[in-house]
Amino acid sequence: MLTSKDKLLRFLQLKQDIIKKRFKINYMLKADFDEVKSWDELDCEITVSNIAEDHETDEETCAWCIIEEMKCSNCGYGKRNKICTEDDSARYDRIQRKMKSSIVDSIPIRTLLKKSRIIN
């Protein structure tokens, strides 16, 4: 049986794969995956639960937004990749701009949730 951490890592890897394929940008760095691997199981369980409940937008499925409760100054992802909401050159801000200008659907969140076994 997959742990919540396994499900979260799987979800993030699938999201990384889609973003890399569609937009030619790495969403996750090795250090980002390493940080998630260091999170305790309870934090991962809470994050997975939140993602499963609120999966309409990318912000609602951002593990760091959930863990840090939208306190961007504490965000490990933001420290490595620049804070999404504060810097136009931030990695995720660039991804969001590409998604908005793309004809292709942004990210099939529901499909990723099913493949990572967060939802059935």
PDB file of N, CA and C in Angstrom:
ATOM      1  N   MET A   1       0.843  -1.189   0.000  1.00  0.00           N
ATOM      2  CA  MET A   1       0.000   0.000   0.000  1.00  0.00           C
ATOM      3  C   MET A   1       0.885   1.248   0.000  1.00  0.00           C
ATOM      4  N   LEU A   2       0.514   2.215  -0.797  1.00  0.00           N
ATOM      5  CA  LEU A   2       1.285   3.454  -0.887  1.00  0.00           C
ATOM      6  C   LEU A   2       1.037   4.339   0.332  1.00  0.00           C
ATOM      7  N   THR A   3       2.104   4.928   0.847  1.00  0.00           N
ATOM      8  CA  THR A   3       1.960   5.907   1.920  1.00  0.00           C
ATOM      9  C   THR A   3       1.528   7.236   1.316  1.00  0.00           C
ATOM     10  N   SER A   4       1.104   8.155   2.171  1.00  0.00           N
ATOM     11  CA  SER A   4       0.739   9.494   1.680  1.00  0.00           C
ATOM     12  C   SER A   4       1.936  10.167   1.024  1.00  0.00           C
ATOM     13  N   LYS A   5       3.120   9.961   1.581  1.00  0.00           N
ATOM     14  CA  LYS A   5       4.323  10.547   0.987  1.00  0.00           C
ATOM     15  C   LYS A   5       4.568   9.964  -0.406  1.00  0.00           C
ATOM     16  N   ASP A   6       4.389   8.648  -0.553  1.00  0.00           N
ATOM     17  CA  ASP A   6       4.545   8.007  -1.867  1.00  0.00           C
ATOM     18  C   ASP A   6       3.559   8.596  -2.878  1.00  0.00           C
ATOM     19  N   LYS A   7       2.304   8.754  -2.456  1.00  0.00           N
ATOM     20  CA  LYS A   7       1.277   9.311  -3.340  1.00  0.00           C
ATOM     21  C   LYS A   7       1.623  10.746  -3.740  1.00  0.00           C
ATOM     22  N   LEU A   8       2.075  11.530  -2.768  1.00  0.00           N
ATOM     23  CA  LEU A   8       2.422  12.917  -3.045  1.00  0.00           C
ATOM     24  C   LEU A   8       3.600  12.999  -4.008  1.00  0.00           C
ATOM     25  N   LEU A   9       4.623  12.213  -3.768  1.00  0.00           N
ATOM     26  CA  LEU A   9       5.784  12.207  -4.661  1.00  0.00           C
ATOM     27  C   LEU A   9       5.398  11.744  -6.058  1.00  0.00           C
ATOM     28  N   ARG A  10       4.544  10.764  -6.136  1.00  0.00           N
ATOM     29  CA  ARG A  10       4.079  10.273  -7.434  1.00  0.00           C
ATOM     30  C   ARG A  10       3.298  11.361  -8.171  1.00  0.00           C
ATOM     31  N   PHE A  11       2.403  12.039  -7.458  1.00  0.00           N
ATOM     32  CA  PHE A  11       1.630  13.142  -8.030  1.00  0.00           C
ATOM     33  C   PHE A  11       2.561  14.233  -8.565  1.00  0.00           C
ATOM     34  N   LEU A  12       3.546  14.620  -7.754  1.00  0.00           N
ATOM     35  CA  LEU A  12       4.480  15.678  -8.158  1.00  0.00           C
ATOM     36  C   LEU A  12       5.322  15.250  -9.356  1.00  0.00           C
ATOM     37  N   GLN A  13       5.712  13.988  -9.401  1.00  0.00           N
ATOM     38  CA  GLN A  13       6.487  13.492 -10.543  1.00  0.00           C
ATOM     39  C   GLN A  13       5.642  13.513 -11.814  1.00  0.00           C
ATOM     40  N   LEU A  14       4.391  13.091 -11.718  1.00  0.00           N
ATOM     41  CA  LEU A  14       3.504  13.121 -12.884  1.00  0.00           C
ATOM     42  C   LEU A  14       3.282  14.557 -13.361  1.00  0.00           C
ATOM     43  N   LYS A  15       3.086  15.467 -12.409  1.00  0.00           N
ATOM     44  CA  LYS A  15       2.905  16.886 -12.746  1.00  0.00           C
ATOM     45  C   LYS A  15       4.167  17.420 -13.431  1.00  0.00           C
ATOM     46  N   GLN A  16       5.336  17.060 -12.894  1.00  0.00           N
ATOM     47  CA  GLN A  16       6.623  17.452 -13.496  1.00  0.00           C
ATOM     48  C   GLN A  16       6.707  16.933 -14.923  1.00  0.00           C
ATOM     49  N   ASP A  17       6.359  15.671 -15.137  1.00  0.00           N
ATOM     50  CA  ASP A  17       6.471  15.063 -16.469  1.00  0.00           C
ATOM     51  C   ASP A  17       5.602  15.789 -17.492  1.00  0.00           C
ATOM     52  N   ILE A  18       4.376  16.123 -17.099  1.00  0.00           N
ATOM     53  CA  ILE A  18       3.465  16.815 -18.022  1.00  0.00           C
ATOM     54  C   ILE A  18       3.967  18.224 -18.330  1.00  0.00           C
ATOM     55  N   ILE A  19       4.374  18.952 -17.312  1.00  0.00           N
ATOM     56  CA  ILE A  19       4.853  20.324 -17.521  1.00  0.00           C
ATOM     57  C   ILE A  19       6.109  20.319 -18.388  1.00  0.00           C
ATOM     58  N   LYS A  20       7.014  19.406 -18.120  1.00  0.00           N
ATOM     59  CA  LYS A  20       8.259  19.311 -18.904  1.00  0.00           C
ATOM     60  C   LYS A  20       7.934  18.993 -20.366  1.00  0.00           C
ATOM     61  N   LYS A  21       7.020  18.062 -20.598  1.00  0.00           N
ATOM     62  CA  LYS A  21       6.677  17.666 -21.962  1.00  0.00           C
ATOM     63  C   LYS A  21       5.970  18.791 -22.712  1.00  0.00           C
ATOM     64  N   ARG A  22       4.994  19.426 -22.071  1.00  0.00           N
ATOM     65  CA  ARG A  22       4.188  20.440 -22.757  1.00  0.00           C
ATOM     66  C   ARG A  22       4.870  21.792 -22.886  1.00  0.00           C
ATOM     67  N   PHE A  23       5.607  22.186 -21.850  1.00  0.00           N
ATOM     68  CA  PHE A  23       6.099  23.562 -21.802  1.00  0.00           C
ATOM     69  C   PHE A  23       7.620  23.687 -21.756  1.00  0.00           C
ATOM     70  N   LYS A  24       8.313  22.548 -21.728  1.00  0.00           N
ATOM     71  CA  LYS A  24       9.786  22.533 -21.757  1.00  0.00           C
ATOM     72  C   LYS A  24      10.402  23.280 -20.568  1.00  0.00           C
ATOM     73  N   ILE A  25       9.742  23.202 -19.420  1.00  0.00           N
ATOM     74  CA  ILE A  25      10.260  23.810 -18.188  1.00  0.00           C
ATOM     75  C   ILE A  25      10.216  22.755 -17.095  1.00  0.00           C
ATOM     76  N   ASN A  26      11.272  22.656 -16.321  1.00  0.00           N
ATOM     77  CA  ASN A  26      11.252  21.772 -15.161  1.00  0.00           C
ATOM     78  C   ASN A  26      10.449  22.427 -14.050  1.00  0.00           C
ATOM     79  N   TYR A  27       9.405  21.765 -13.625  1.00  0.00           N
ATOM     80  CA  TYR A  27       8.595  22.232 -12.495  1.00  0.00           C
ATOM     81  C   TYR A  27       9.321  21.926 -11.188  1.00  0.00           C
ATOM     82  N   MET A  28       9.901  20.745 -11.110  1.00  0.00           N
ATOM     83  CA  MET A  28      10.554  20.291  -9.884  1.00  0.00           C
ATOM     84  C   MET A  28      12.038  20.048 -10.123  1.00  0.00           C
ATOM     85  N   LEU A  29      12.839  20.536  -9.199  1.00  0.00           N
ATOM     86  CA  LEU A  29      14.259  20.233  -9.184  1.00  0.00           C
ATOM     87  C   LEU A  29      14.484  19.052  -8.244  1.00  0.00           C
ATOM     88  N   LYS A  30      15.643  18.430  -8.326  1.00  0.00           N
ATOM     89  CA  LYS A  30      15.961  17.328  -7.410  1.00  0.00           C
ATOM     90  C   LYS A  30      15.818  17.791  -5.965  1.00  0.00           C
ATOM     91  N   ALA A  31      16.264  19.008  -5.683  1.00  0.00           N
ATOM     92  CA  ALA A  31      16.165  19.541  -4.315  1.00  0.00           C
ATOM     93  C   ALA A  31      14.710  19.674  -3.858  1.00  0.00           C
ATOM     94  N   ASP A  32      13.794  19.937  -4.796  1.00  0.00           N
ATOM     95  CA  ASP A  32      12.370  20.021  -4.454  1.00  0.00           C
ATOM     96  C   ASP A  32      11.844  18.645  -4.043  1.00  0.00           C
ATOM     97  N   PHE A  33      12.197  17.623  -4.831  1.00  0.00           N
ATOM     98  CA  PHE A  33      11.800  16.257  -4.468  1.00  0.00           C
ATOM     99  C   PHE A  33      12.423  15.847  -3.136  1.00  0.00           C
ATOM    100  N   ASP A  34      13.697  16.196  -2.948  1.00  0.00           N
ATOM    101  CA  ASP A  34      14.379  15.856  -1.693  1.00  0.00           C
ATOM    102  C   ASP A  34      13.692  16.496  -0.489  1.00  0.00           C
ATOM    103  N   GLU A  35      13.240  17.736  -0.658  1.00  0.00           N
ATOM    104  CA  GLU A  35      12.535  18.389   0.446  1.00  0.00           C
ATOM    105  C   GLU A  35      11.259  17.628   0.795  1.00  0.00           C
ATOM    106  N   VAL A  36      10.479  17.257  -0.211  1.00  0.00           N
ATOM    107  CA  VAL A  36       9.239  16.527   0.050  1.00  0.00           C
ATOM    108  C   VAL A  36       9.559  15.187   0.727  1.00  0.00           C
ATOM    109  N   LYS A  37      10.619  14.536   0.299  1.00  0.00           N
ATOM    110  CA  LYS A  37      11.019  13.270   0.930  1.00  0.00           C
ATOM    111  C   LYS A  37      11.345  13.451   2.412  1.00  0.00           C
ATOM    112  N   SER A  38      11.754  14.665   2.795  1.00  0.00           N
ATOM    113  CA  SER A  38      12.115  14.917   4.199  1.00  0.00           C
ATOM    114  C   SER A  38      10.894  15.249   5.069  1.00  0.00           C
ATOM    115  N   TRP A  39       9.738  15.526   4.457  1.00  0.00           N
ATOM    116  CA  TRP A  39       8.535  15.860   5.212  1.00  0.00           C
ATOM    117  C   TRP A  39       8.046  14.627   5.967  1.00  0.00           C
ATOM    118  N   ASP A  40       7.473  14.856   7.134  1.00  0.00           N
ATOM    119  CA  ASP A  40       6.951  13.705   7.878  1.00  0.00           C
ATOM    120  C   ASP A  40       5.640  13.232   7.255  1.00  0.00           C
ATOM    121  N   GLU A  41       5.283  12.023   7.585  1.00  0.00           N
ATOM    122  CA  GLU A  41       4.123  11.375   6.969  1.00  0.00           C
ATOM    123  C   GLU A  41       2.824  12.127   7.258  1.00  0.00           C
ATOM    124  N   LEU A  42       2.692  12.685   8.448  1.00  0.00           N
ATOM    125  CA  LEU A  42       1.466  13.422   8.782  1.00  0.00           C
ATOM    126  C   LEU A  42       1.295  14.647   7.891  1.00  0.00           C
ATOM    127  N   ASP A  43       2.383  15.403   7.667  1.00  0.00           N
ATOM    128  CA  ASP A  43       2.305  16.554   6.760  1.00  0.00           C
ATOM    129  C   ASP A  43       1.917  16.108   5.351  1.00  0.00           C
ATOM    130  N   CYS A  44       2.468  14.997   4.907  1.00  0.00           N
ATOM    131  CA  CYS A  44       2.126  14.478   3.579  1.00  0.00           C
ATOM    132  C   CYS A  44       0.673  14.038   3.528  1.00  0.00           C
ATOM    133  N   GLU A  45       0.201  13.416   4.600  1.00  0.00           N
ATOM    134  CA  GLU A  45      -1.197  12.983   4.663  1.00  0.00           C
ATOM    135  C   GLU A  45      -2.149  14.178   4.589  1.00  0.00           C
ATOM    136  N   ILE A  46      -1.837  15.243   5.322  1.00  0.00           N
ATOM    137  CA  ILE A  46      -2.652  16.465   5.293  1.00  0.00           C
ATOM    138  C   ILE A  46      -2.630  17.081   3.894  1.00  0.00           C
ATOM    139  N   THR A  47      -1.461  17.118   3.297  1.00  0.00           N
ATOM    140  CA  THR A  47      -1.309  17.696   1.956  1.00  0.00           C
ATOM    141  C   THR A  47      -2.107  16.892   0.930  1.00  0.00           C
ATOM    142  N   VAL A  48      -1.963  15.582   0.964  1.00  0.00           N
ATOM    143  CA  VAL A  48      -2.688  14.717   0.031  1.00  0.00           C
ATOM    144  C   VAL A  48      -4.193  14.885   0.220  1.00  0.00           C
ATOM    145  N   SER A  49      -4.640  14.956   1.463  1.00  0.00           N
ATOM    146  CA  SER A  49      -6.062  15.144   1.751  1.00  0.00           C
ATOM    147  C   SER A  49      -6.564  16.467   1.172  1.00  0.00           C
ATOM    148  N   ASN A  50      -5.791  17.538   1.355  1.00  0.00           N
ATOM    149  CA  ASN A  50      -6.172  18.846   0.802  1.00  0.00           C
ATOM    150  C   ASN A  50      -6.207  18.827  -0.715  1.00  0.00           C
ATOM    151  N   ILE A  51      -5.230  18.187  -1.314  1.00  0.00           N
ATOM    152  CA  ILE A  51      -5.190  18.099  -2.776  1.00  0.00           C
ATOM    153  C   ILE A  51      -6.413  17.339  -3.285  1.00  0.00           C
ATOM    154  N   ALA A  52      -6.773  16.262  -2.590  1.00  0.00           N
ATOM    155  CA  ALA A  52      -7.920  15.452  -3.002  1.00  0.00           C
ATOM    156  C   ALA A  52      -9.228  16.232  -2.901  1.00  0.00           C
ATOM    157  N   GLU A  53      -9.336  17.095  -1.884  1.00  0.00           N
ATOM    158  CA  GLU A  53     -10.569  17.865  -1.679  1.00  0.00           C
ATOM    159  C   GLU A  53     -10.673  19.061  -2.611  1.00  0.00           C
ATOM    160  N   ASP A  54      -9.573  19.767  -2.813  1.00  0.00           N
ATOM    161  CA  ASP A  54      -9.569  21.020  -3.581  1.00  0.00           C
ATOM    162  C   ASP A  54      -8.624  20.885  -4.763  1.00  0.00           C
ATOM    163  N   HIS A  55      -9.118  20.359  -5.856  1.00  0.00           N
ATOM    164  CA  HIS A  55      -8.216  20.120  -6.985  1.00  0.00           C
ATOM    165  C   HIS A  55      -8.663  20.821  -8.266  1.00  0.00           C
ATOM    166  N   GLU A  56      -9.200  22.002  -8.104  1.00  0.00           N
ATOM    167  CA  GLU A  56      -9.664  22.745  -9.276  1.00  0.00           C
ATOM    168  C   GLU A  56      -8.554  23.568  -9.931  1.00  0.00           C
ATOM    169  N   THR A  57      -7.622  24.085  -9.142  1.00  0.00           N
ATOM    170  CA  THR A  57      -6.560  24.923  -9.709  1.00  0.00           C
ATOM    171  C   THR A  57      -5.202  24.424  -9.254  1.00  0.00           C
ATOM    172  N   ASP A  58      -4.176  24.882  -9.932  1.00  0.00           N
ATOM    173  CA  ASP A  58      -2.823  24.469  -9.596  1.00  0.00           C
ATOM    174  C   ASP A  58      -2.425  24.910  -8.189  1.00  0.00           C
ATOM    175  N   GLU A  59      -2.878  26.105  -7.765  1.00  0.00           N
ATOM    176  CA  GLU A  59      -2.540  26.581  -6.427  1.00  0.00           C
ATOM    177  C   GLU A  59      -3.104  25.650  -5.359  1.00  0.00           C
ATOM    178  N   GLU A  60      -4.282  25.111  -5.623  1.00  0.00           N
ATOM    179  CA  GLU A  60      -4.908  24.214  -4.652  1.00  0.00           C
ATOM    180  C   GLU A  60      -4.212  22.866  -4.594  1.00  0.00           C
ATOM    181  N   THR A  61      -3.368  22.569  -5.565  1.00  0.00           N
ATOM    182  CA  THR A  61      -2.630  21.310  -5.549  1.00  0.00           C
ATOM    183  C   THR A  61      -1.141  21.525  -5.346  1.00  0.00           C
ATOM    184  N   CYS A  62      -0.743  22.715  -4.956  1.00  0.00           N
ATOM    185  CA  CYS A  62       0.673  22.987  -4.685  1.00  0.00           C
ATOM    186  C   CYS A  62       0.988  22.516  -3.264  1.00  0.00           C
ATOM    187  N   ALA A  63       1.852  21.523  -3.174  1.00  0.00           N
ATOM    188  CA  ALA A  63       2.197  20.956  -1.870  1.00  0.00           C
ATOM    189  C   ALA A  63       2.774  22.014  -0.934  1.00  0.00           C
ATOM    190  N   TRP A  64       3.569  22.931  -1.480  1.00  0.00           N
ATOM    191  CA  TRP A  64       4.198  23.958  -0.639  1.00  0.00           C
ATOM    192  C   TRP A  64       3.179  24.976  -0.154  1.00  0.00           C
ATOM    193  N   CYS A  65       2.241  25.374  -1.014  1.00  0.00           N
ATOM    194  CA  CYS A  65       1.176  26.298  -0.586  1.00  0.00           C
ATOM    195  C   CYS A  65       0.380  25.683   0.560  1.00  0.00           C
ATOM    196  N   ILE A  66       0.124  24.391   0.465  1.00  0.00           N
ATOM    197  CA  ILE A  66      -0.653  23.706   1.502  1.00  0.00           C
ATOM    198  C   ILE A  66       0.169  23.594   2.787  1.00  0.00           C
ATOM    199  N   ILE A  67       1.387  23.100   2.683  1.00  0.00           N
ATOM    200  CA  ILE A  67       2.241  22.900   3.865  1.00  0.00           C
ATOM    201  C   ILE A  67       2.485  24.217   4.594  1.00  0.00           C
ATOM    202  N   GLU A  68       2.785  25.258   3.844  1.00  0.00           N
ATOM    203  CA  GLU A  68       3.124  26.553   4.448  1.00  0.00           C
ATOM    204  C   GLU A  68       1.905  27.434   4.676  1.00  0.00           C
ATOM    205  N   GLU A  69       0.709  26.916   4.360  1.00  0.00           N
ATOM    206  CA  GLU A  69      -0.532  27.660   4.547  1.00  0.00           C
ATOM    207  C   GLU A  69      -0.468  29.034   3.882  1.00  0.00           C
ATOM    208  N   MET A  70       0.046  29.043   2.654  1.00  0.00           N
ATOM    209  CA  MET A  70       0.153  30.243   1.816  1.00  0.00           C
ATOM    210  C   MET A  70       1.091  31.306   2.407  1.00  0.00           C
ATOM    211  N   LYS A  71       1.973  30.924   3.307  1.00  0.00           N
ATOM    212  CA  LYS A  71       2.983  31.846   3.839  1.00  0.00           C
ATOM    213  C   LYS A  71       4.223  31.711   2.961  1.00  0.00           C
ATOM    214  N   CYS A  72       4.259  32.495   1.921  1.00  0.00           N
ATOM    215  CA  CYS A  72       5.286  32.355   0.885  1.00  0.00           C
ATOM    216  C   CYS A  72       6.707  32.556   1.412  1.00  0.00           C
ATOM    217  N   SER A  73       6.870  33.350   2.439  1.00  0.00           N
ATOM    218  CA  SER A  73       8.223  33.591   2.963  1.00  0.00           C
ATOM    219  C   SER A  73       8.833  32.326   3.573  1.00  0.00           C
ATOM    220  N   ASN A  74       8.002  31.333   3.922  1.00  0.00           N
ATOM    221  CA  ASN A  74       8.484  30.070   4.482  1.00  0.00           C
ATOM    222  C   ASN A  74       8.680  28.990   3.423  1.00  0.00           C
ATOM    223  N   CYS A  75       8.325  29.283   2.200  1.00  0.00           N
ATOM    224  CA  CYS A  75       8.248  28.276   1.138  1.00  0.00           C
ATOM    225  C   CYS A  75       9.628  27.829   0.651  1.00  0.00           C
ATOM    226  N   GLY A  76       9.919  26.535   0.845  1.00  0.00           N
ATOM    227  CA  GLY A  76      11.187  25.983   0.361  1.00  0.00           C
ATOM    228  C   GLY A  76      11.281  26.010  -1.146  1.00  0.00           C
ATOM    229  N   TYR A  77      10.168  25.712  -1.824  1.00  0.00           N
ATOM    230  CA  TYR A  77      10.141  25.760  -3.292  1.00  0.00           C
ATOM    231  C   TYR A  77      10.464  27.182  -3.750  1.00  0.00           C
ATOM    232  N   GLY A  78       9.852  28.170  -3.107  1.00  0.00           N
ATOM    233  CA  GLY A  78      10.083  29.571  -3.463  1.00  0.00           C
ATOM    234  C   GLY A  78      11.509  30.017  -3.200  1.00  0.00           C
ATOM    235  N   LYS A  79      12.103  29.504  -2.149  1.00  0.00           N
ATOM    236  CA  LYS A  79      13.501  29.859  -1.844  1.00  0.00           C
ATOM    237  C   LYS A  79      14.441  29.347  -2.923  1.00  0.00           C
ATOM    238  N   ARG A  80      14.131  28.186  -3.486  1.00  0.00           N
ATOM    239  CA  ARG A  80      14.980  27.623  -4.544  1.00  0.00           C
ATOM    240  C   ARG A  80      14.625  28.177  -5.920  1.00  0.00           C
ATOM    241  N   ASN A  81      13.350  28.449  -6.173  1.00  0.00           N
ATOM    242  CA  ASN A  81      12.870  28.783  -7.515  1.00  0.00           C
ATOM    243  C   ASN A  81      12.266  30.177  -7.636  1.00  0.00           C
ATOM    244  N   LYS A  82      12.380  30.971  -6.616  1.00  0.00           N
ATOM    245  CA  LYS A  82      11.801  32.306  -6.469  1.00  0.00           C
ATOM    246  C   LYS A  82      10.317  32.192  -6.125  1.00  0.00           C
ATOM    247  N   ILE A  83       9.865  33.101  -5.272  1.00  0.00           N
ATOM    248  CA  ILE A  83       8.485  33.090  -4.791  1.00  0.00           C
ATOM    249  C   ILE A  83       7.532  33.332  -5.966  1.00  0.00           C
ATOM    250  N   CYS A  84       6.582  32.441  -6.149  1.00  0.00           N
ATOM    251  CA  CYS A  84       5.661  32.478  -7.307  1.00  0.00           C
ATOM    252  C   CYS A  84       4.913  33.798  -7.424  1.00  0.00           C
ATOM    253  N   THR A  85       4.471  34.322  -6.296  1.00  0.00           N
ATOM    254  CA  THR A  85       3.605  35.502  -6.321  1.00  0.00           C
ATOM    255  C   THR A  85       4.368  36.815  -6.302  1.00  0.00           C
ATOM    256  N   GLU A  86       5.685  36.754  -6.181  1.00  0.00           N
ATOM    257  CA  GLU A  86       6.458  37.977  -6.002  1.00  0.00           C
ATOM    258  C   GLU A  86       7.433  38.295  -7.123  1.00  0.00           C
ATOM    259  N   ASP A  87       7.671  37.367  -8.015  1.00  0.00           N
ATOM    260  CA  ASP A  87       8.731  37.567  -8.995  1.00  0.00           C
ATOM    261  C   ASP A  87       8.302  36.991 -10.345  1.00  0.00           C
ATOM    262  N   ASP A  88       8.242  37.843 -11.370  1.00  0.00           N
ATOM    263  CA  ASP A  88       7.838  37.383 -12.699  1.00  0.00           C
ATOM    264  C   ASP A  88       8.780  36.340 -13.283  1.00  0.00           C
ATOM    265  N   SER A  89      10.011  36.278 -12.779  1.00  0.00           N
ATOM    266  CA  SER A  89      10.946  35.294 -13.303  1.00  0.00           C
ATOM    267  C   SER A  89      10.933  34.001 -12.487  1.00  0.00           C
ATOM    268  N   ALA A  90      10.048  33.902 -11.506  1.00  0.00           N
ATOM    269  CA  ALA A  90       9.934  32.680 -10.713  1.00  0.00           C
ATOM    270  C   ALA A  90       9.580  31.517 -11.627  1.00  0.00           C
ATOM    271  N   ARG A  91      10.135  30.367 -11.335  1.00  0.00           N
ATOM    272  CA  ARG A  91       9.915  29.185 -12.171  1.00  0.00           C
ATOM    273  C   ARG A  91       8.420  28.907 -12.359  1.00  0.00           C
ATOM    274  N   TYR A  92       7.643  28.885 -11.288  1.00  0.00           N
ATOM    275  CA  TYR A  92       6.236  28.530 -11.433  1.00  0.00           C
ATOM    276  C   TYR A  92       5.434  29.641 -12.091  1.00  0.00           C
ATOM    277  N   ASP A  93       5.821  30.879 -11.903  1.00  0.00           N
ATOM    278  CA  ASP A  93       5.145  31.977 -12.594  1.00  0.00           C
ATOM    279  C   ASP A  93       5.328  31.830 -14.105  1.00  0.00           C
ATOM    280  N   ARG A  94       6.511  31.447 -14.529  1.00  0.00           N
ATOM    281  CA  ARG A  94       6.762  31.217 -15.970  1.00  0.00           C
ATOM    282  C   ARG A  94       5.897  30.071 -16.485  1.00  0.00           C
ATOM    283  N   ILE A  95       5.768  29.014 -15.683  1.00  0.00           N
ATOM    284  CA  ILE A  95       4.932  27.879 -16.079  1.00  0.00           C
ATOM    285  C   ILE A  95       3.479  28.323 -16.212  1.00  0.00           C
ATOM    286  N   GLN A  96       2.983  29.086 -15.248  1.00  0.00           N
ATOM    287  CA  GLN A  96       1.594  29.548 -15.300  1.00  0.00           C
ATOM    288  C   GLN A  96       1.343  30.427 -16.510  1.00  0.00           C
ATOM    289  N   ARG A  97       2.291  31.304 -16.845  1.00  0.00           N
ATOM    290  CA  ARG A  97       2.117  32.145 -18.041  1.00  0.00           C
ATOM    291  C   ARG A  97       2.051  31.286 -19.301  1.00  0.00           C
ATOM    292  N   LYS A  98       2.887  30.268 -19.383  1.00  0.00           N
ATOM    293  CA  LYS A  98       2.860  29.387 -20.553  1.00  0.00           C
ATOM    294  C   LYS A  98       1.540  28.631 -20.628  1.00  0.00           C
ATOM    295  N   MET A  99       1.024  28.193 -19.478  1.00  0.00           N
ATOM    296  CA  MET A  99      -0.245  27.474 -19.472  1.00  0.00           C
ATOM    297  C   MET A  99      -1.376  28.381 -19.940  1.00  0.00           C
ATOM    298  N   LYS A 100      -1.372  29.631 -19.491  1.00  0.00           N
ATOM    299  CA  LYS A 100      -2.435  30.568 -19.867  1.00  0.00           C
ATOM    300  C   LYS A 100      -2.397  30.904 -21.344  1.00  0.00           C
ATOM    301  N   SER A 101      -1.214  30.902 -21.943  1.00  0.00           N
ATOM    302  CA  SER A 101      -1.104  31.249 -23.359  1.00  0.00           C
ATOM    303  C   SER A 101      -1.190  30.022 -24.264  1.00  0.00           C
ATOM    304  N   SER A 102      -1.348  28.854 -23.663  1.00  0.00           N
ATOM    305  CA  SER A 102      -1.382  27.617 -24.432  1.00  0.00           C
ATOM    306  C   SER A 102      -2.813  27.265 -24.842  1.00  0.00           C
ATOM    307  N   ILE A 103      -2.930  26.675 -26.012  1.00  0.00           N
ATOM    308  CA  ILE A 103      -4.222  26.174 -26.474  1.00  0.00           C
ATOM    309  C   ILE A 103      -4.563  24.892 -25.714  1.00  0.00           C
ATOM    310  N   VAL A 104      -3.523  24.155 -25.356  1.00  0.00           N
ATOM    311  CA  VAL A 104      -3.683  22.887 -24.644  1.00  0.00           C
ATOM    312  C   VAL A 104      -4.183  23.177 -23.233  1.00  0.00           C
ATOM    313  N   ASP A 105      -5.057  22.310 -22.734  1.00  0.00           N
ATOM    314  CA  ASP A 105      -5.486  22.399 -21.341  1.00  0.00           C
ATOM    315  C   ASP A 105      -4.263  22.537 -20.452  1.00  0.00           C
ATOM    316  N   SER A 106      -4.393  23.223 -19.346  1.00  0.00           N
ATOM    317  CA  SER A 106      -3.238  23.404 -18.485  1.00  0.00           C
ATOM    318  C   SER A 106      -2.714  22.057 -18.005  1.00  0.00           C
ATOM    319  N   ILE A 107      -3.093  21.632 -16.842  1.00  0.00           N
ATOM    320  CA  ILE A 107      -2.630  20.352 -16.313  1.00  0.00           C
ATOM    321  C   ILE A 107      -3.867  19.539 -15.944  1.00  0.00           C
ATOM    322  N   PRO A 108      -3.957  18.311 -16.417  1.00  0.00           N
ATOM    323  CA  PRO A 108      -5.132  17.490 -16.093  1.00  0.00           C
ATOM    324  C   PRO A 108      -5.058  16.990 -14.652  1.00  0.00           C
ATOM    325  N   ILE A 109      -5.358  17.874 -13.711  1.00  0.00           N
ATOM    326  CA  ILE A 109      -5.186  17.584 -12.291  1.00  0.00           C
ATOM    327  C   ILE A 109      -5.941  16.319 -11.883  1.00  0.00           C
ATOM    328  N   ARG A 110      -7.169  16.202 -12.295  1.00  0.00           N
ATOM    329  CA  ARG A 110      -7.967  15.029 -11.894  1.00  0.00           C
ATOM    330  C   ARG A 110      -7.304  13.731 -12.360  1.00  0.00           C
ATOM    331  N   THR A 111      -6.771  13.712 -13.569  1.00  0.00           N
ATOM    332  CA  THR A 111      -6.077  12.534 -14.087  1.00  0.00           C
ATOM    333  C   THR A 111      -4.841  12.230 -13.247  1.00  0.00           C
ATOM    334  N   LEU A 112      -4.096  13.267 -12.895  1.00  0.00           N
ATOM    335  CA  LEU A 112      -2.901  13.061 -12.067  1.00  0.00           C
ATOM    336  C   LEU A 112      -3.268  12.513 -10.695  1.00  0.00           C
ATOM    337  N   LEU A 113      -4.358  13.014 -10.134  1.00  0.00           N
ATOM    338  CA  LEU A 113      -4.802  12.530  -8.826  1.00  0.00           C
ATOM    339  C   LEU A 113      -5.163  11.053  -8.886  1.00  0.00           C
ATOM    340  N   LYS A 114      -5.791  10.635  -9.960  1.00  0.00           N
ATOM    341  CA  LYS A 114      -6.141   9.230 -10.104  1.00  0.00           C
ATOM    342  C   LYS A 114      -4.895   8.364 -10.308  1.00  0.00           C
ATOM    343  N   LYS A 115      -3.994   8.807 -11.168  1.00  0.00           N
ATOM    344  CA  LYS A 115      -2.783   8.027 -11.436  1.00  0.00           C
ATOM    345  C   LYS A 115      -1.888   7.909 -10.194  1.00  0.00           C
ATOM    346  N   SER A 116      -1.895   8.917  -9.359  1.00  0.00           N
ATOM    347  CA  SER A 116      -1.066   8.874  -8.159  1.00  0.00           C
ATOM    348  C   SER A 116      -1.800   8.236  -6.978  1.00  0.00           C
ATOM    349  N   ARG A 117      -3.039   7.812  -7.241  1.00  0.00           N
ATOM    350  CA  ARG A 117      -3.891   7.115  -6.269  1.00  0.00           C
ATOM    351  C   ARG A 117      -4.301   8.000  -5.090  1.00  0.00           C
ATOM    352  N   ILE A 118      -4.346   9.313  -5.323  1.00  0.00           N
ATOM    353  CA  ILE A 118      -4.842  10.224  -4.293  1.00  0.00           C
ATOM    354  C   ILE A 118      -6.366  10.161  -4.253  1.00  0.00           C
ATOM    355  N   ILE A 119      -6.985  10.016  -5.442  1.00  0.00           N
ATOM    356  CA  ILE A 119      -8.432   9.792  -5.512  1.00  0.00           C
ATOM    357  C   ILE A 119      -8.681   8.565  -6.369  1.00  0.00           C
ATOM    358  N   ASN A 120      -9.874   8.027  -6.285  1.00  0.00           N
ATOM    359  CA  ASN A 120     -10.229   6.836  -7.095  1.00  0.00           C
ATOM    360  C   ASN A 120     -10.817   7.236  -8.420  1.00  0.00           C
TER     361      ASN A 120
END
